[in-house]
Amino acid sequence: MVELEWVSRRPLSLETNPLTMLEFNFTPFPLLTTERLILRKAVIEDAPEIFFLRSDPRVLKYIDREPAQSLEEAQQFIRLITDNLESNSGINWAISLKDDSRLIGTIALWRLIKEHHRA
């Protein structure tokens, strides 16, 4: 089992309001670490690795998505996930090794449905 360590000042906040709907607050960004990995915020400099992953047929084999056609599409994706983060409508982590900051993958919570307490 992998134990996660919160590196931000406070953990991911899922505060309940009187109507029992969740309110998401991803500020500050929750940086997560394991023994080998860092889950961090994606930055525009990650675009080449995002493009590689989103254009590789082996990666897309089980994902219903057309392959990325350009580096610009990868940059647009990073801008989209940044916008989602800022609006608290979703969160994506860039995965990298502790000793190498290059992105090796991503993981996300998206389609946040507050009234159902799920993503």
N, C-alpha and C. Protein backbone atom coordinates (compact mmCIF):
# COMPACT_ATOMS: atom_id res chain seq x y z
N MET A 1 0.84 -1.17 0.00
CA MET A 1 0.00 0.00 0.00
C MET A 1 0.89 1.23 0.00
N VAL A 2 0.50 2.24 -0.77
CA VAL A 2 1.25 3.48 -0.87
C VAL A 2 0.63 4.50 0.07
N GLU A 3 1.46 5.14 0.87
CA GLU A 3 0.98 6.20 1.74
C GLU A 3 1.30 7.52 1.08
N LEU A 4 0.34 8.43 1.07
CA LEU A 4 0.54 9.73 0.47
C LEU A 4 0.82 10.74 1.57
N GLU A 5 1.69 11.66 1.27
CA GLU A 5 2.05 12.71 2.21
C GLU A 5 1.58 14.03 1.62
N TRP A 6 0.85 14.82 2.41
CA TRP A 6 0.42 16.14 1.96
C TRP A 6 1.58 17.09 2.13
N VAL A 7 1.92 17.80 1.08
CA VAL A 7 3.03 18.73 1.15
C VAL A 7 2.52 20.17 1.23
N SER A 8 1.29 20.40 0.84
CA SER A 8 0.74 21.75 0.91
C SER A 8 0.43 22.11 2.36
N ARG A 9 0.10 23.35 2.59
CA ARG A 9 -0.18 23.80 3.96
C ARG A 9 -1.42 23.16 4.56
N ARG A 10 -2.34 22.78 3.71
CA ARG A 10 -3.55 22.13 4.20
C ARG A 10 -4.01 21.12 3.16
N PRO A 11 -4.73 20.10 3.60
CA PRO A 11 -5.17 19.08 2.65
C PRO A 11 -6.27 19.60 1.73
N LEU A 12 -6.51 18.86 0.68
CA LEU A 12 -7.60 19.14 -0.24
C LEU A 12 -8.85 19.35 0.58
N SER A 13 -9.55 20.44 0.35
CA SER A 13 -10.69 20.80 1.16
C SER A 13 -11.99 20.35 0.51
N LEU A 14 -12.77 19.59 1.23
CA LEU A 14 -14.10 19.20 0.78
C LEU A 14 -15.07 19.60 1.89
N GLU A 15 -15.36 20.89 1.96
CA GLU A 15 -16.19 21.42 3.03
C GLU A 15 -17.66 21.22 2.70
N THR A 16 -18.44 20.80 3.68
CA THR A 16 -19.85 20.55 3.48
C THR A 16 -20.65 21.78 3.89
N ASN A 17 -21.59 22.20 3.06
CA ASN A 17 -22.45 23.32 3.43
C ASN A 17 -23.74 22.79 4.04
N PRO A 18 -24.61 23.65 4.54
CA PRO A 18 -25.84 23.18 5.19
C PRO A 18 -26.73 22.31 4.30
N LEU A 19 -26.60 22.43 2.98
CA LEU A 19 -27.41 21.62 2.07
C LEU A 19 -26.72 20.31 1.71
N THR A 20 -25.63 20.00 2.38
CA THR A 20 -24.81 18.80 2.20
C THR A 20 -24.20 18.68 0.81
N MET A 21 -24.11 19.79 0.10
CA MET A 21 -23.37 19.78 -1.16
C MET A 21 -21.93 20.15 -0.86
N LEU A 22 -21.02 19.54 -1.54
CA LEU A 22 -19.62 19.82 -1.32
C LEU A 22 -19.21 21.12 -1.99
N GLU A 23 -18.25 21.77 -1.38
CA GLU A 23 -17.60 22.93 -1.97
C GLU A 23 -16.13 22.58 -2.12
N PHE A 24 -15.61 22.65 -3.33
CA PHE A 24 -14.23 22.30 -3.60
C PHE A 24 -13.36 23.54 -3.56
N ASN A 25 -12.19 23.39 -2.97
CA ASN A 25 -11.22 24.47 -2.94
C ASN A 25 -9.84 23.86 -3.14
N PHE A 26 -9.26 24.08 -4.31
CA PHE A 26 -7.97 23.49 -4.66
C PHE A 26 -6.82 24.48 -4.49
N THR A 27 -7.03 25.49 -3.62
CA THR A 27 -6.00 26.49 -3.35
C THR A 27 -5.63 26.42 -1.87
N PRO A 28 -4.37 26.26 -1.55
CA PRO A 28 -3.24 26.07 -2.45
C PRO A 28 -3.30 24.69 -3.09
N PHE A 29 -2.60 24.55 -4.21
CA PHE A 29 -2.61 23.29 -4.94
C PHE A 29 -2.06 22.17 -4.06
N PRO A 30 -2.79 21.05 -3.96
CA PRO A 30 -2.30 19.94 -3.13
C PRO A 30 -1.21 19.12 -3.82
N LEU A 31 0.01 19.38 -3.44
CA LEU A 31 1.17 18.64 -3.93
C LEU A 31 1.26 17.35 -3.14
N LEU A 32 1.27 16.21 -3.84
CA LEU A 32 1.30 14.90 -3.19
C LEU A 32 2.61 14.21 -3.50
N THR A 33 3.13 13.46 -2.52
CA THR A 33 4.36 12.71 -2.75
C THR A 33 4.21 11.29 -2.25
N THR A 34 4.92 10.40 -2.90
CA THR A 34 5.07 9.03 -2.42
C THR A 34 6.58 8.79 -2.29
N GLU A 35 6.95 7.59 -2.02
CA GLU A 35 8.38 7.28 -1.91
C GLU A 35 9.12 7.61 -3.21
N ARG A 36 8.48 7.39 -4.36
CA ARG A 36 9.15 7.55 -5.66
C ARG A 36 8.61 8.69 -6.52
N LEU A 37 7.38 9.14 -6.25
CA LEU A 37 6.70 10.05 -7.17
C LEU A 37 6.35 11.38 -6.53
N ILE A 38 6.17 12.36 -7.40
CA ILE A 38 5.59 13.65 -7.02
C ILE A 38 4.38 13.88 -7.93
N LEU A 39 3.26 14.20 -7.33
CA LEU A 39 2.06 14.58 -8.08
C LEU A 39 1.93 16.08 -7.88
N ARG A 40 2.12 16.82 -8.96
CA ARG A 40 2.25 18.26 -8.91
C ARG A 40 1.34 18.90 -9.94
N LYS A 41 1.29 20.22 -9.91
CA LYS A 41 0.52 20.97 -10.88
C LYS A 41 1.20 20.90 -12.26
N ALA A 42 0.41 20.71 -13.29
CA ALA A 42 0.95 20.73 -14.66
C ALA A 42 1.26 22.16 -15.05
N VAL A 43 2.35 22.33 -15.76
CA VAL A 43 2.77 23.65 -16.23
C VAL A 43 2.97 23.60 -17.74
N ILE A 44 2.98 24.76 -18.37
CA ILE A 44 3.06 24.83 -19.82
C ILE A 44 4.32 24.14 -20.36
N GLU A 45 5.37 24.09 -19.54
CA GLU A 45 6.61 23.41 -19.95
C GLU A 45 6.42 21.90 -20.08
N ASP A 46 5.31 21.37 -19.57
CA ASP A 46 5.00 19.95 -19.70
C ASP A 46 4.39 19.61 -21.06
N ALA A 47 4.17 20.61 -21.90
CA ALA A 47 3.47 20.39 -23.18
C ALA A 47 4.11 19.31 -24.06
N PRO A 48 5.43 19.24 -24.20
CA PRO A 48 5.99 18.18 -25.05
C PRO A 48 5.65 16.77 -24.55
N GLU A 49 5.69 16.57 -23.24
CA GLU A 49 5.36 15.25 -22.70
C GLU A 49 3.86 14.96 -22.81
N ILE A 50 3.04 15.99 -22.58
CA ILE A 50 1.59 15.83 -22.75
C ILE A 50 1.29 15.48 -24.21
N PHE A 51 1.91 16.17 -25.13
CA PHE A 51 1.70 15.87 -26.55
C PHE A 51 2.10 14.43 -26.86
N PHE A 52 3.26 14.00 -26.36
CA PHE A 52 3.70 12.63 -26.58
C PHE A 52 2.66 11.63 -26.09
N LEU A 53 2.17 11.82 -24.87
CA LEU A 53 1.20 10.88 -24.29
C LEU A 53 -0.14 10.92 -25.03
N ARG A 54 -0.60 12.12 -25.37
CA ARG A 54 -1.92 12.27 -25.99
C ARG A 54 -1.91 11.97 -27.49
N SER A 55 -0.73 11.65 -28.04
CA SER A 55 -0.67 11.28 -29.46
C SER A 55 -0.20 9.84 -29.65
N ASP A 56 0.10 9.14 -28.60
CA ASP A 56 0.61 7.77 -28.67
C ASP A 56 -0.56 6.77 -28.73
N PRO A 57 -0.69 6.00 -29.81
CA PRO A 57 -1.80 5.04 -29.93
C PRO A 57 -1.85 4.02 -28.78
N ARG A 58 -0.69 3.66 -28.24
CA ARG A 58 -0.68 2.69 -27.12
C ARG A 58 -1.31 3.29 -25.88
N VAL A 59 -1.09 4.57 -25.65
CA VAL A 59 -1.68 5.25 -24.49
C VAL A 59 -3.18 5.43 -24.71
N LEU A 60 -3.58 5.70 -25.93
CA LEU A 60 -4.98 5.99 -26.25
C LEU A 60 -5.82 4.75 -26.53
N LYS A 61 -5.22 3.59 -26.46
CA LYS A 61 -5.92 2.36 -26.83
C LYS A 61 -7.26 2.20 -26.13
N TYR A 62 -7.34 2.53 -24.85
CA TYR A 62 -8.57 2.34 -24.09
C TYR A 62 -9.26 3.65 -23.73
N ILE A 63 -8.85 4.72 -24.40
CA ILE A 63 -9.42 6.05 -24.14
C ILE A 63 -10.13 6.51 -25.40
N ASP A 64 -11.36 6.95 -25.25
CA ASP A 64 -12.15 7.42 -26.38
C ASP A 64 -11.78 8.87 -26.69
N ARG A 65 -10.63 9.04 -27.35
CA ARG A 65 -10.13 10.37 -27.68
C ARG A 65 -9.30 10.27 -28.94
N GLU A 66 -9.43 11.28 -29.78
CA GLU A 66 -8.60 11.36 -30.98
C GLU A 66 -7.18 11.73 -30.57
N PRO A 67 -6.17 11.22 -31.26
CA PRO A 67 -4.79 11.58 -30.93
C PRO A 67 -4.53 13.08 -31.13
N ALA A 68 -3.73 13.64 -30.25
CA ALA A 68 -3.32 15.04 -30.40
C ALA A 68 -2.53 15.19 -31.69
N GLN A 69 -2.71 16.30 -32.37
CA GLN A 69 -2.06 16.54 -33.66
C GLN A 69 -0.92 17.54 -33.58
N SER A 70 -0.85 18.30 -32.46
CA SER A 70 0.17 19.34 -32.39
C SER A 70 0.53 19.66 -30.95
N LEU A 71 1.65 20.30 -30.79
CA LEU A 71 2.08 20.79 -29.49
C LEU A 71 1.10 21.82 -28.96
N GLU A 72 0.52 22.60 -29.87
CA GLU A 72 -0.49 23.61 -29.49
C GLU A 72 -1.68 22.95 -28.80
N GLU A 73 -2.11 21.78 -29.27
CA GLU A 73 -3.21 21.07 -28.61
C GLU A 73 -2.85 20.70 -27.18
N ALA A 74 -1.61 20.29 -26.96
CA ALA A 74 -1.15 19.97 -25.61
C ALA A 74 -1.15 21.22 -24.74
N GLN A 75 -0.73 22.34 -25.30
CA GLN A 75 -0.75 23.59 -24.55
C GLN A 75 -2.18 24.02 -24.22
N GLN A 76 -3.09 23.82 -25.16
CA GLN A 76 -4.51 24.11 -24.91
C GLN A 76 -5.05 23.24 -23.78
N PHE A 77 -4.66 21.97 -23.77
CA PHE A 77 -5.09 21.07 -22.70
C PHE A 77 -4.59 21.56 -21.34
N ILE A 78 -3.34 22.00 -21.28
CA ILE A 78 -2.80 22.51 -20.02
C ILE A 78 -3.55 23.77 -19.60
N ARG A 79 -3.87 24.63 -20.53
CA ARG A 79 -4.66 25.83 -20.20
C ARG A 79 -6.05 25.44 -19.70
N LEU A 80 -6.66 24.43 -20.31
CA LEU A 80 -7.98 23.95 -19.89
C LEU A 80 -7.94 23.42 -18.45
N ILE A 81 -6.96 22.58 -18.15
CA ILE A 81 -6.92 22.02 -16.79
C ILE A 81 -6.56 23.10 -15.77
N THR A 82 -5.80 24.12 -16.19
CA THR A 82 -5.52 25.25 -15.30
C THR A 82 -6.79 26.04 -15.04
N ASP A 83 -7.60 26.27 -16.07
CA ASP A 83 -8.88 26.96 -15.90
C ASP A 83 -9.81 26.17 -14.98
N ASN A 84 -9.87 24.84 -15.18
CA ASN A 84 -10.70 24.00 -14.32
C ASN A 84 -10.25 24.08 -12.87
N LEU A 85 -8.95 24.10 -12.66
CA LEU A 85 -8.40 24.21 -11.32
C LEU A 85 -8.79 25.53 -10.68
N GLU A 86 -8.62 26.62 -11.42
CA GLU A 86 -8.93 27.94 -10.89
C GLU A 86 -10.41 28.12 -10.59
N SER A 87 -11.27 27.44 -11.33
CA SER A 87 -12.72 27.52 -11.07
C SER A 87 -13.19 26.43 -10.11
N ASN A 88 -12.25 25.61 -9.61
CA ASN A 88 -12.57 24.51 -8.69
C ASN A 88 -13.56 23.52 -9.30
N SER A 89 -13.50 23.35 -10.63
CA SER A 89 -14.40 22.39 -11.28
C SER A 89 -13.71 21.08 -11.63
N GLY A 90 -12.42 20.98 -11.35
CA GLY A 90 -11.67 19.75 -11.58
C GLY A 90 -10.22 19.97 -11.20
N ILE A 91 -9.51 18.87 -11.00
CA ILE A 91 -8.10 18.98 -10.65
C ILE A 91 -7.32 17.87 -11.34
N ASN A 92 -6.21 18.25 -11.94
CA ASN A 92 -5.30 17.30 -12.58
C ASN A 92 -3.94 17.41 -11.92
N TRP A 93 -3.32 16.27 -11.71
CA TRP A 93 -1.96 16.24 -11.21
C TRP A 93 -1.05 15.75 -12.34
N ALA A 94 0.10 16.38 -12.47
CA ALA A 94 1.16 15.88 -13.33
C ALA A 94 1.99 14.93 -12.48
N ILE A 95 2.30 13.77 -13.01
CA ILE A 95 3.07 12.78 -12.26
C ILE A 95 4.51 12.82 -12.76
N SER A 96 5.45 12.91 -11.84
CA SER A 96 6.87 12.84 -12.19
C SER A 96 7.61 12.06 -11.12
N LEU A 97 8.77 11.57 -11.49
CA LEU A 97 9.63 10.90 -10.53
C LEU A 97 10.26 11.95 -9.63
N LYS A 98 10.55 11.57 -8.38
CA LYS A 98 11.15 12.53 -7.45
C LYS A 98 12.48 13.07 -7.96
N ASP A 99 13.26 12.24 -8.62
CA ASP A 99 14.58 12.67 -9.06
C ASP A 99 14.61 13.18 -10.51
N ASP A 100 13.43 13.36 -11.12
CA ASP A 100 13.34 13.84 -12.50
C ASP A 100 12.01 14.56 -12.66
N SER A 101 12.03 15.85 -12.91
CA SER A 101 10.80 16.63 -12.94
C SER A 101 9.98 16.45 -14.22
N ARG A 102 10.49 15.68 -15.20
CA ARG A 102 9.72 15.47 -16.44
C ARG A 102 8.42 14.71 -16.14
N LEU A 103 7.36 15.16 -16.77
CA LEU A 103 6.06 14.52 -16.63
C LEU A 103 6.09 13.12 -17.24
N ILE A 104 5.58 12.13 -16.49
CA ILE A 104 5.47 10.77 -17.02
C ILE A 104 4.03 10.32 -17.12
N GLY A 105 3.10 11.15 -16.65
CA GLY A 105 1.69 10.80 -16.71
C GLY A 105 0.86 11.85 -16.00
N THR A 106 -0.45 11.65 -16.01
CA THR A 106 -1.37 12.54 -15.31
C THR A 106 -2.45 11.70 -14.64
N ILE A 107 -3.08 12.31 -13.67
CA ILE A 107 -4.23 11.71 -13.01
C ILE A 107 -5.14 12.86 -12.60
N ALA A 108 -6.44 12.62 -12.55
CA ALA A 108 -7.36 13.73 -12.34
C ALA A 108 -8.59 13.33 -11.54
N LEU A 109 -9.21 14.33 -10.97
CA LEU A 109 -10.59 14.25 -10.49
C LEU A 109 -11.35 15.24 -11.36
N TRP A 110 -12.31 14.76 -12.11
CA TRP A 110 -13.06 15.62 -13.00
C TRP A 110 -14.52 15.18 -12.98
N ARG A 111 -15.34 15.91 -13.69
CA ARG A 111 -16.79 15.72 -13.61
C ARG A 111 -17.22 15.72 -12.14
N LEU A 112 -16.80 16.74 -11.43
CA LEU A 112 -17.15 16.86 -10.02
C LEU A 112 -18.65 17.11 -9.91
N ILE A 113 -19.33 16.23 -9.21
CA ILE A 113 -20.77 16.35 -9.03
C ILE A 113 -21.01 16.59 -7.54
N LYS A 114 -21.11 17.87 -7.17
CA LYS A 114 -21.17 18.25 -5.77
C LYS A 114 -22.35 17.59 -5.03
N GLU A 115 -23.50 17.59 -5.67
CA GLU A 115 -24.69 17.07 -4.98
C GLU A 115 -24.62 15.56 -4.74
N HIS A 116 -23.79 14.86 -5.50
CA HIS A 116 -23.64 13.42 -5.33
C HIS A 116 -22.35 13.04 -4.61
N HIS A 117 -21.56 14.06 -4.25
CA HIS A 117 -20.30 13.87 -3.54
C HIS A 117 -19.37 12.92 -4.29
N ARG A 118 -19.22 13.14 -5.60
CA ARG A 118 -18.37 12.23 -6.38
C ARG A 118 -17.71 12.97 -7.53
N ALA A 119 -16.71 12.31 -8.08
CA ALA A 119 -16.00 12.81 -9.25
C ALA A 119 -15.73 11.65 -10.17
